[in-house]
Amino acid sequence: MAFPSTYQAVLVQLNNEPPKISDVSLVMPEKNQVLIKIEFACIHPADTLVISGDYPVPLKRPHPVGFEGSGVVVAVGSELKVPHIVGERVNVSGPGTWGQYILVNSEACRKLPDDISFEDGTLFFANPATTICLANIAQKGNHKAAIHTAGSSAVGRMMIQYFKQRGIKLINIVRREEVIEQLKAEGADYVLNSTDADFEAKLKEIAEKEGATISFEAVAGNLTRKIITNQPEDSICYLYGGLEGEQLKDLQVGDFVFQGKMLTGFWIGKYLKKNFSEIPQMMQDIAAHAKTCFQPHIYAKYKLTDIEKALADYQVNSSKGKILLQP
């Protein structure tokens, strides 16, 4: 197979500047590396943090963008830690999926089941894996119910169905009234609007009733305090996102000192490194539920050359489903 000397990829040059399509030199795989021709990539919240410069890991500029995609293995290097063959259809983790090709270590891609399209395969790992990890954390801690603050997100919708299968009640928090009935129709146990005047009173009542001693918080700002304050004593809150920015506001000392509550963080990359033995079972679960609770909602598809339009659409309509990019 003949390969081009260069390919097109989206790079970020400076923080908060629009990402640009650039020509990048194509490098062939060496030890434990796989070259993948990208079919589709998706826009994740973490991708927008890379563009703005707010991603918590220091990045050299210019930097490739795109944390997840799907494609075909077109070349393999030597001594692969995870076996792959030319022609194999895979889901792949970046950074760098917003381009025509990506070179990754063999562990960064996963074979797609035959009945999974490239579109759905673009979202085959990150969101389902996050959902499973959060459920594992809840069950390891013997928590009977949980609170989740990104109720209408892609992960939130997966959690509604998957947590129910695992026997964990879920209190879903949203910020827009129009999504409440949608989530209830999808099987949500509870849906609360964090902008309602009686939100905290309702949350406290339900959390006490169901024993929601664990929460997964993706918003930050002053919502973290509201969640922690209204959980039962000796509860734990896992902060795993910052949709309102990087600041926490108005945390109360008494919640931690006198109520015995805890606040900690969750990052899937770190979790999987510590719990590597869970990955084989996780992949089986993802494949088993790929057409049910892990079926992704795709809202729109754009050519890679229309990246600015795609990002503008994402800012307005991200809660309606995932936006894909096609190189």
Protein backbone atom coordinates (compact mmCIF):
# COMPACT_ATOMS: atom_id res chain seq x y z
CA MET A 1 0.00 0.00 0.00
CA ALA A 2 1.31 3.43 -0.96
CA PHE A 3 1.21 6.13 1.69
CA PRO A 4 1.25 9.92 1.27
CA SER A 5 4.21 11.85 2.65
CA THR A 6 1.85 14.20 4.51
CA TYR A 7 -1.74 14.22 5.74
CA GLN A 8 -4.24 16.78 7.03
CA ALA A 9 -4.89 17.12 10.76
CA VAL A 10 -6.38 19.69 13.11
CA LEU A 11 -3.77 21.45 15.26
CA VAL A 12 -4.07 24.06 17.99
CA GLN A 13 -1.39 26.72 17.71
CA LEU A 14 -2.29 29.10 20.57
CA ASN A 15 -4.79 28.97 23.44
CA ASN A 16 -8.30 30.10 22.49
CA GLU A 17 -7.38 30.51 18.82
CA PRO A 18 -9.54 28.58 16.36
CA PRO A 19 -7.94 25.23 15.51
CA LYS A 20 -6.55 25.01 12.01
CA ILE A 21 -6.09 22.22 9.50
CA SER A 22 -2.41 21.72 8.79
CA ASP A 23 -0.25 19.38 6.75
CA VAL A 24 1.55 16.89 8.99
CA SER A 25 4.35 14.51 8.03
CA LEU A 26 3.25 10.88 7.95
CA VAL A 27 5.49 8.69 10.13
CA MET A 28 5.45 4.92 9.74
CA PRO A 29 5.03 2.71 12.82
CA GLU A 30 8.01 1.40 14.78
CA LYS A 31 8.17 -0.80 17.89
CA ASN A 32 4.70 -1.33 19.45
CA GLN A 33 3.10 1.25 17.13
CA VAL A 34 0.08 1.08 14.83
CA LEU A 35 -0.86 3.45 12.00
CA ILE A 36 -4.60 4.00 11.57
CA LYS A 37 -6.50 5.69 8.77
CA ILE A 38 -9.29 7.62 10.49
CA GLU A 39 -12.88 7.17 9.31
CA PHE A 40 -14.62 9.29 11.95
CA ALA A 41 -13.69 11.24 15.06
CA CYS A 42 -15.93 12.80 17.71
CA ILE A 43 -15.97 16.00 19.73
CA HIS A 44 -15.64 15.33 23.45
CA PRO A 45 -15.72 18.00 26.21
CA ALA A 46 -12.02 17.35 26.83
CA ASP A 47 -11.29 18.32 23.21
CA THR A 48 -12.68 21.80 23.80
CA LEU A 49 -10.46 22.11 26.90
CA VAL A 50 -7.41 21.34 24.76
CA ILE A 51 -8.44 24.07 22.32
CA SER A 52 -8.98 26.66 25.08
CA GLY A 53 -5.78 25.73 26.90
CA ASP A 54 -7.64 24.59 30.02
CA TYR A 55 -6.78 20.89 29.77
CA PRO A 56 -5.06 19.98 33.06
CA VAL A 57 -2.05 18.29 31.41
CA PRO A 58 0.59 20.67 29.96
CA LEU A 59 0.66 20.43 26.17
CA LYS A 60 3.30 21.61 23.73
CA ARG A 61 2.03 23.80 20.92
CA PRO A 62 1.17 23.16 18.15
CA HIS A 63 -0.81 20.22 19.50
CA PRO A 64 -3.04 17.66 17.74
CA VAL A 65 -6.69 17.50 18.78
CA GLY A 66 -9.11 14.61 19.15
CA PHE A 67 -9.33 12.08 21.98
CA GLU A 68 -11.40 9.38 20.24
CA GLY A 69 -12.10 8.07 16.77
CA SER A 70 -12.51 5.01 14.57
CA GLY A 71 -10.65 3.73 11.57
CA VAL A 72 -8.71 0.97 9.86
CA VAL A 73 -5.25 -0.32 10.72
CA VAL A 74 -3.08 0.31 7.62
CA ALA A 75 0.40 -0.50 8.99
CA VAL A 76 1.87 -2.14 12.09
CA GLY A 77 5.27 -1.99 13.72
CA SER A 78 7.22 -4.68 15.54
CA GLU A 79 6.71 -6.26 18.96
CA LEU A 80 3.11 -5.15 19.51
CA LYS A 81 1.96 -5.45 23.12
CA VAL A 82 -1.63 -5.79 21.87
CA PRO A 83 -1.92 -7.68 18.55
CA HIS A 84 -3.43 -5.89 15.55
CA ILE A 85 -3.41 -6.69 11.83
CA VAL A 86 -3.64 -4.59 8.70
CA GLY A 87 -7.28 -4.18 7.69
CA GLU A 88 -8.61 -4.43 11.24
CA ARG A 89 -11.42 -2.03 12.18
CA VAL A 90 -10.67 -0.27 15.47
CA ASN A 91 -11.70 2.35 17.98
CA VAL A 92 -8.68 4.51 18.82
CA SER A 93 -7.73 6.94 21.57
CA GLY A 94 -5.79 10.11 20.79
CA PRO A 95 -4.78 12.84 21.05
CA GLY A 96 -4.80 13.32 17.31
CA THR A 97 -7.95 11.64 16.00
CA TRP A 98 -9.02 14.86 14.24
CA GLY A 99 -6.95 14.00 11.19
CA GLN A 100 -6.66 11.61 8.28
CA TYR A 101 -4.18 9.34 10.06
CA ILE A 102 -2.99 8.70 13.60
CA LEU A 103 0.07 6.83 14.90
CA VAL A 104 -0.48 5.27 18.34
CA ASN A 105 0.84 2.58 20.64
CA SER A 106 -0.91 -0.75 20.18
CA GLU A 107 -2.69 -0.43 23.55
CA ALA A 108 -4.47 2.74 22.39
CA CYS A 109 -6.79 0.97 19.94
CA ARG A 110 -9.41 -1.72 20.31
CA LYS A 111 -10.90 -4.04 17.69
CA LEU A 112 -14.50 -3.19 16.79
CA PRO A 113 -17.16 -5.92 16.68
CA ASP A 114 -18.29 -6.68 13.13
CA ASP A 115 -21.78 -5.30 13.73
CA ILE A 116 -20.57 -1.88 14.96
CA SER A 117 -20.40 0.85 12.30
CA PHE A 118 -17.49 3.28 12.11
CA GLU A 119 -19.88 6.03 13.26
CA ASP A 120 -20.88 4.16 16.42
CA GLY A 121 -17.35 2.81 16.76
CA THR A 122 -16.08 6.34 17.16
CA LEU A 123 -17.77 6.37 20.59
CA PHE A 124 -17.12 2.74 21.48
CA PHE A 125 -14.79 3.25 24.45
CA ALA A 126 -14.49 6.51 26.40
CA ASN A 127 -18.09 7.11 27.47
CA PRO A 128 -19.05 3.44 28.07
CA ALA A 129 -15.79 2.87 29.97
CA THR A 130 -16.45 5.92 32.14
CA THR A 131 -19.95 4.67 32.88
CA ILE A 132 -18.67 1.23 33.87
CA CYS A 133 -15.89 2.68 36.04
CA LEU A 134 -18.34 4.87 37.96
CA ALA A 135 -20.68 1.91 38.50
CA ASN A 136 -17.74 -0.20 39.71
CA ILE A 137 -16.76 2.52 42.20
CA ALA A 138 -20.33 2.69 43.52
CA GLN A 139 -20.63 -1.07 43.94
CA LYS A 140 -17.19 -1.48 45.51
CA GLY A 141 -18.29 1.03 48.14
CA ASN A 142 -21.64 -0.72 48.71
CA HIS A 143 -23.58 2.40 47.72
CA LYS A 144 -27.24 1.71 46.94
CA ALA A 145 -27.92 5.00 45.16
CA ALA A 146 -25.89 7.71 43.45
CA ILE A 147 -26.24 11.31 42.31
CA HIS A 148 -25.01 12.39 38.86
CA THR A 149 -24.88 16.04 37.85
CA ALA A 150 -24.47 15.72 34.08
CA GLY A 151 -27.76 13.92 33.64
CA SER A 152 -28.40 14.83 30.00
CA SER A 153 -24.83 14.24 28.80
CA ALA A 154 -23.82 11.22 26.72
CA VAL A 155 -22.38 9.56 29.82
CA GLY A 156 -25.45 10.56 31.84
CA ARG A 157 -27.83 8.84 29.43
CA MET A 158 -25.71 5.69 29.47
CA MET A 159 -25.61 5.74 33.27
CA ILE A 160 -29.41 5.84 33.50
CA GLN A 161 -29.75 2.44 31.87
CA TYR A 162 -26.50 0.80 32.98
CA PHE A 163 -26.82 1.72 36.67
CA LYS A 164 -30.36 0.34 36.63
CA GLN A 165 -29.01 -2.98 35.32
CA ARG A 166 -26.41 -2.97 38.11
CA GLY A 167 -29.13 -2.33 40.74
CA ILE A 168 -28.01 1.21 41.64
CA LYS A 169 -30.65 3.95 41.93
CA LEU A 170 -29.62 7.17 40.16
CA ILE A 171 -30.62 10.76 40.92
CA ASN A 172 -29.99 12.70 37.73
CA ILE A 173 -29.32 16.45 37.85
CA VAL A 174 -29.93 18.66 34.80
CA ARG A 175 -30.03 22.40 34.10
CA ARG A 176 -32.78 22.58 31.47
CA GLU A 177 -36.45 21.79 32.05
CA GLU A 178 -37.04 20.41 28.55
CA VAL A 179 -34.76 17.39 29.06
CA ILE A 180 -36.52 16.15 32.21
CA GLU A 181 -39.28 14.25 30.41
CA GLN A 182 -36.78 12.89 27.89
CA LEU A 183 -34.69 11.32 30.65
CA LYS A 184 -37.74 9.95 32.42
CA ALA A 185 -38.82 8.34 29.14
CA GLU A 186 -35.36 6.74 28.96
CA GLY A 187 -35.93 5.14 32.36
CA ALA A 188 -34.48 7.67 34.82
CA ASP A 189 -35.39 7.01 38.47
CA TYR A 190 -35.26 10.70 39.41
CA VAL A 191 -34.52 13.89 37.47
CA LEU A 192 -34.05 17.24 39.23
CA ASN A 193 -33.45 20.70 37.76
CA SER A 194 -30.60 22.43 39.58
CA THR A 195 -32.04 25.86 38.68
CA ASP A 196 -35.33 25.27 40.55
CA ALA A 197 -35.85 27.24 43.74
CA ASP A 198 -36.57 24.09 45.75
CA PHE A 199 -33.78 22.03 44.17
CA GLU A 200 -31.75 21.55 47.35
CA ALA A 201 -34.79 20.60 49.44
CA LYS A 202 -35.86 18.00 46.88
CA LEU A 203 -32.33 16.64 46.54
CA LYS A 204 -31.92 16.28 50.30
CA GLU A 205 -35.24 14.47 50.64
CA ILE A 206 -34.55 11.98 47.84
CA ALA A 207 -30.90 11.45 48.79
CA GLU A 208 -31.90 10.61 52.37
CA LYS A 209 -34.75 8.36 51.20
CA GLU A 210 -32.62 6.35 48.75
CA GLY A 211 -29.35 6.48 50.71
CA ALA A 212 -27.43 8.30 47.98
CA THR A 213 -24.07 8.22 49.76
CA ILE A 214 -22.04 8.67 46.57
CA SER A 215 -22.17 11.37 43.92
CA PHE A 216 -20.45 11.95 40.58
CA GLU A 217 -20.07 15.66 39.93
CA ALA A 218 -19.16 17.08 36.50
CA VAL A 219 -20.20 20.74 36.81
CA ALA A 220 -18.19 22.40 39.65
CA GLY A 221 -18.88 26.07 40.45
CA ASN A 222 -21.32 26.23 43.36
CA LEU A 223 -23.13 23.00 42.43
CA THR A 224 -20.49 20.84 44.14
CA ARG A 225 -21.35 22.42 47.49
CA LYS A 226 -25.07 21.89 46.93
CA ILE A 227 -24.54 18.20 46.19
CA ILE A 228 -22.25 17.53 49.16
CA THR A 229 -24.36 19.50 51.65
CA ASN A 230 -27.52 17.60 50.75
CA GLN A 231 -26.09 14.09 50.79
CA PRO A 232 -26.41 11.94 53.92
CA GLU A 233 -23.63 11.89 56.52
CA ASP A 234 -20.39 10.08 55.59
CA SER A 235 -21.06 10.46 51.86
CA ILE A 236 -18.40 10.83 49.18
CA CYS A 237 -18.41 13.06 46.10
CA TYR A 238 -16.28 12.27 43.04
CA LEU A 239 -15.50 15.38 41.00
CA TYR A 240 -14.78 14.40 37.38
CA GLY A 241 -15.49 17.53 35.34
CA GLY A 242 -15.85 21.28 35.39
CA LEU A 243 -18.59 22.36 33.01
CA GLU A 244 -18.86 25.68 34.87
CA GLY A 245 -15.09 26.20 34.98
CA GLU A 246 -12.24 25.14 37.20
CA GLN A 247 -13.36 26.83 40.45
CA LEU A 248 -15.29 25.37 43.37
CA LYS A 249 -17.39 27.81 45.40
CA ASP A 250 -18.76 28.04 48.94
CA LEU A 251 -17.67 24.64 50.24
CA GLN A 252 -18.71 24.32 53.90
CA VAL A 253 -16.17 23.20 56.51
CA GLY A 254 -18.90 21.59 58.61
CA ASP A 255 -19.81 19.17 55.83
CA PHE A 256 -16.36 17.62 56.10
CA VAL A 257 -15.48 18.07 59.79
CA PHE A 258 -18.82 17.30 61.45
CA GLN A 259 -20.68 15.35 58.75
CA GLY A 260 -17.73 13.16 57.75
CA LYS A 261 -18.19 13.80 54.04
CA MET A 262 -15.42 13.49 51.47
CA LEU A 263 -14.56 15.14 48.16
CA THR A 264 -12.16 13.45 45.76
CA GLY A 265 -11.45 13.31 42.05
CA PHE A 266 -11.96 10.83 39.23
CA TRP A 267 -9.99 10.70 35.97
CA ILE A 268 -10.56 7.63 33.83
CA GLY A 269 -6.96 7.48 32.64
CA LYS A 270 -5.63 7.26 36.18
CA TYR A 271 -8.38 4.85 37.25
CA LEU A 272 -7.62 2.40 34.42
CA LYS A 273 -3.89 2.45 35.19
CA LYS A 274 -4.64 1.52 38.80
CA ASN A 275 -7.32 -1.02 37.90
CA PHE A 276 -5.85 -2.51 34.73
CA SER A 277 -7.24 -5.95 35.59
CA GLU A 278 -10.80 -4.65 35.09
CA ILE A 279 -10.27 -3.83 31.41
CA PRO A 280 -10.98 -7.30 29.89
CA GLN A 281 -14.35 -7.52 31.68
CA MET A 282 -15.02 -3.89 30.79
CA MET A 283 -14.53 -4.59 27.08
CA GLN A 284 -16.88 -7.58 27.31
CA ASP A 285 -19.51 -5.37 28.97
CA ILE A 286 -19.11 -2.66 26.34
CA ALA A 287 -19.54 -5.16 23.49
CA ALA A 288 -22.52 -6.81 25.21
CA HIS A 289 -24.36 -3.50 25.65
CA ALA A 290 -23.15 -1.70 22.51
CA LYS A 291 -26.59 -1.87 20.88
CA THR A 292 -28.56 -1.07 24.06
CA CYS A 293 -27.50 1.18 26.92
CA PHE A 294 -24.18 2.10 25.27
CA GLN A 295 -25.73 2.91 21.89
CA PRO A 296 -24.44 6.45 21.17
CA HIS A 297 -26.71 9.31 20.18
CA ILE A 298 -25.22 11.00 17.10
CA TYR A 299 -26.60 14.44 16.38
CA ALA A 300 -24.61 15.61 13.34
CA LYS A 301 -21.67 14.81 11.07
CA TYR A 302 -19.27 17.33 9.52
CA LYS A 303 -16.35 17.12 7.15
CA LEU A 304 -13.05 17.81 8.88
CA THR A 305 -12.65 20.91 6.72
CA ASP A 306 -15.79 22.31 8.38
CA ILE A 307 -14.25 22.09 11.86
CA GLU A 308 -15.22 25.66 12.83
CA LYS A 309 -18.89 25.02 11.96
CA ALA A 310 -18.80 21.73 13.85
CA LEU A 311 -17.42 23.39 16.99
CA ALA A 312 -20.00 26.17 16.79
CA ASP A 313 -22.77 23.55 16.53
CA TYR A 314 -21.25 21.66 19.47
CA GLN A 315 -21.37 24.74 21.70
CA VAL A 316 -25.12 25.08 21.13
CA ASN A 317 -26.33 21.50 20.71
CA SER A 318 -23.94 19.19 22.59
CA SER A 319 -26.78 17.87 24.79
CA LYS A 320 -28.68 16.66 21.71
CA GLY A 321 -26.06 14.05 20.83
CA LYS A 322 -22.50 13.64 19.67
CA ILE A 323 -21.02 15.51 16.73
CA LEU A 324 -18.72 13.53 14.43
CA LEU A 325 -15.94 14.66 12.11
CA GLN A 326 -15.10 12.86 8.88
CA PRO A 327 -11.59 13.50 7.45
